[in-house]
């Protein structure tokens, strides 16, 4: 596994790291199976209404979230690296088949490392194209939102 974490500007990155009480294979399934990701991905009062996932390098994904008022927010992207059940890298810089998105916002690097029986060291590293994008993401509630979603991820992984 290559080291993609060195020399990246800290002012363009947000990181969430947790020790989760679930095996990485189950956490991986929760991230890569549409029927599972819709159950945990979005913090309330928003919900995830649809997930289309082609989990392979170059494969497209689109996860649609819905506001309490019913407004839908599709989030298209592309998988860049898929190493089950260790590493998943995706970006919104492309929407499908290397078609650039209107505005690239971030690349997400997820790692799932064994941390003892039934435990996983889960790291979500979100890299932004600019410091302003990182700051905007932080103000949108990155830490709280991703924290709630990660708790929901762990709870689902414990049930499947």
Protein backbone atom coordinates (compact mmCIF):
# COMPACT_ATOMS: atom_id res chain seq x y z
CA UNK A 1 0.00 0.00 0.00
CA UNK A 2 1.39 3.36 -0.97
CA UNK A 3 1.51 6.28 1.40
CA UNK A 4 -0.83 8.98 0.10
CA UNK A 5 -0.75 11.03 3.30
CA UNK A 6 2.67 12.65 3.16
CA UNK A 7 3.22 16.25 2.15
CA UNK A 8 -0.45 17.14 1.71
CA UNK A 9 -1.22 20.67 2.99
CA UNK A 10 -2.98 20.48 6.36
CA UNK A 11 -5.06 23.56 5.54
CA UNK A 12 -6.82 21.58 2.77
CA UNK A 13 -7.57 18.39 4.73
CA UNK A 14 -10.14 17.25 7.29
CA UNK A 15 -9.62 13.97 9.14
CA UNK A 16 -11.90 11.81 11.23
CA UNK A 17 -10.30 8.84 12.97
CA UNK A 18 -12.16 6.40 15.22
CA UNK A 19 -11.68 3.02 16.84
CA UNK A 20 -14.87 1.18 15.88
CA UNK A 21 -16.25 -1.92 17.56
CA UNK A 22 -16.95 -3.78 14.33
CA UNK A 23 -14.78 -5.86 11.98
CA UNK A 24 -13.49 -4.05 8.92
CA UNK A 25 -15.15 -6.52 6.54
CA UNK A 26 -18.56 -5.46 7.84
CA UNK A 27 -17.67 -1.75 7.76
CA UNK A 28 -16.47 -2.24 4.17
CA UNK A 29 -19.82 -3.82 3.25
CA UNK A 30 -21.64 -0.83 4.78
CA UNK A 31 -19.63 1.49 2.52
CA UNK A 32 -19.91 -0.59 -0.66
CA UNK A 33 -23.39 -2.17 -0.70
CA UNK A 34 -26.23 0.17 -1.76
CA UNK A 35 -28.83 -1.48 0.51
CA UNK A 36 -26.55 -0.85 3.50
CA UNK A 37 -25.14 2.61 2.74
CA UNK A 38 -28.63 4.13 2.57
CA UNK A 39 -29.22 3.00 6.16
CA UNK A 40 -26.38 4.94 7.81
CA UNK A 41 -24.77 7.47 5.45
CA UNK A 42 -26.65 10.67 6.30
CA UNK A 43 -27.06 12.31 9.73
CA UNK A 44 -30.70 13.05 10.69
CA UNK A 45 -32.86 14.91 9.91
CA UNK A 46 -31.52 14.30 6.39
CA UNK A 47 -31.74 10.80 4.95
CA UNK A 48 -30.18 8.86 2.10
CA UNK A 49 -32.82 7.87 -0.43
CA UNK A 50 -30.75 6.14 -3.12
CA UNK A 51 -27.27 4.77 -3.74
CA UNK A 52 -25.92 3.59 -7.08
CA UNK A 53 -22.42 2.17 -6.56
CA UNK A 54 -20.08 0.62 -9.12
CA UNK A 55 -17.29 -0.18 -6.65
CA UNK A 56 -14.20 -0.55 -8.86
CA UNK A 57 -11.47 1.86 -9.93
CA UNK A 58 -13.13 4.19 -12.47
CA UNK A 59 -16.61 3.07 -11.41
CA UNK A 60 -19.25 5.72 -10.82
CA UNK A 61 -21.24 6.28 -7.65
CA UNK A 62 -24.18 8.50 -6.89
CA UNK A 63 -25.53 8.81 -3.37
CA UNK A 64 -28.71 10.88 -3.10
CA UNK A 65 -29.52 12.61 0.16
CA UNK A 66 -32.86 14.23 1.00
CA UNK A 67 -33.63 17.19 3.24
CA UNK A 68 -36.50 17.10 5.76
CA UNK A 69 -38.44 19.27 3.25
CA UNK A 70 -38.00 16.62 0.55
CA UNK A 71 -35.33 18.34 -1.55
CA UNK A 72 -32.93 15.82 -3.09
CA UNK A 73 -29.16 16.28 -3.28
CA UNK A 74 -27.42 13.80 -5.60
CA UNK A 75 -23.68 13.36 -4.94
CA UNK A 76 -22.03 11.84 -8.02
CA UNK A 77 -18.44 10.68 -8.02
CA UNK A 78 -15.88 8.13 -9.16
CA UNK A 79 -13.92 5.47 -7.29
CA UNK A 80 -10.17 5.90 -7.76
CA UNK A 81 -8.83 3.04 -5.64
CA UNK A 82 -10.60 -0.03 -4.26
CA UNK A 83 -8.64 -2.42 -2.00
CA UNK A 84 -11.11 -4.61 -0.06
CA UNK A 85 -11.43 -4.41 2.92
CA UNK A 86 -8.58 -1.94 3.52
CA UNK A 87 -8.86 1.20 1.42
CA UNK A 88 -11.48 3.05 -0.58
CA UNK A 89 -10.68 6.28 -2.44
CA UNK A 90 -13.29 8.35 -4.25
CA UNK A 91 -13.67 11.84 -5.66
CA UNK A 92 -16.38 14.18 -6.90
CA UNK A 93 -13.94 15.63 -9.44
CA UNK A 94 -15.51 13.28 -12.00
CA UNK A 95 -19.12 12.21 -12.40
CA UNK A 96 -18.80 9.21 -14.76
CA UNK A 97 -16.25 7.74 -17.15
CA UNK A 98 -13.76 10.55 -16.48
CA UNK A 99 -16.29 13.28 -17.20
CA UNK A 100 -15.21 16.28 -15.09
CA UNK A 101 -17.75 17.60 -12.60
CA UNK A 102 -18.80 21.23 -12.67
CA UNK A 103 -16.78 21.91 -9.54
CA UNK A 104 -14.42 19.49 -7.86
CA UNK A 105 -14.77 19.72 -4.08
CA UNK A 106 -12.91 16.83 -2.48
CA UNK A 107 -11.29 13.42 -2.57
CA UNK A 108 -12.14 10.98 0.21
CA UNK A 109 -9.60 8.40 1.39
CA UNK A 110 -11.05 5.76 3.71
CA UNK A 111 -8.86 3.24 5.49
CA UNK A 112 -9.98 0.25 7.54
CA UNK A 113 -7.22 -1.30 9.69
CA UNK A 114 -7.56 -4.28 12.02
CA UNK A 115 -7.20 -3.11 15.62
CA UNK A 116 -7.82 -6.28 17.59
CA UNK A 117 -10.63 -8.83 17.68
CA UNK A 118 -13.77 -7.28 16.20
CA UNK A 119 -12.27 -3.77 16.12
CA UNK A 120 -11.22 -1.47 13.30
CA UNK A 121 -9.15 1.69 13.17
CA UNK A 122 -11.30 3.71 10.75
CA UNK A 123 -9.87 6.84 9.14
CA UNK A 124 -11.73 9.18 6.82
CA UNK A 125 -9.34 11.66 5.23
CA UNK A 126 -11.07 14.33 3.13
CA UNK A 127 -8.81 16.36 0.86
CA UNK A 128 -10.07 19.55 -0.72
CA UNK A 129 -8.95 21.44 -3.80
CA UNK A 130 -8.52 24.63 -1.79
CA UNK A 131 -8.25 25.83 1.79
CA UNK A 132 -11.50 27.75 1.22
CA UNK A 133 -13.28 24.51 0.30
CA UNK A 134 -11.91 22.82 3.43
CA UNK A 135 -13.06 25.72 5.56
CA UNK A 136 -16.52 25.66 3.95
CA UNK A 137 -16.79 21.90 4.57
CA UNK A 138 -15.79 22.38 8.20
CA UNK A 139 -18.38 25.14 8.65
CA UNK A 140 -21.05 22.89 7.03
CA UNK A 141 -20.53 20.63 10.04
CA UNK A 142 -17.96 18.10 8.85
CA UNK A 143 -16.87 16.95 12.31
CA UNK A 144 -20.38 16.70 13.76
CA UNK A 145 -21.98 15.25 10.61
CA UNK A 146 -19.26 12.72 9.87
CA UNK A 147 -19.13 11.86 13.58
CA UNK A 148 -22.87 11.06 13.67
CA UNK A 149 -22.65 9.14 10.39
CA UNK A 150 -19.68 7.14 11.70
CA UNK A 151 -21.62 6.21 14.83
CA UNK A 152 -24.49 5.06 12.56
CA UNK A 153 -21.99 3.13 10.41
CA UNK A 154 -20.62 1.33 13.47
CA UNK A 155 -24.11 0.50 14.78
CA UNK A 156 -25.19 -0.96 11.43
CA UNK A 157 -21.96 -2.97 11.04
CA UNK A 158 -22.63 -4.51 14.48
CA UNK A 159 -26.11 -5.65 13.34
CA UNK A 160 -25.32 -7.20 9.94
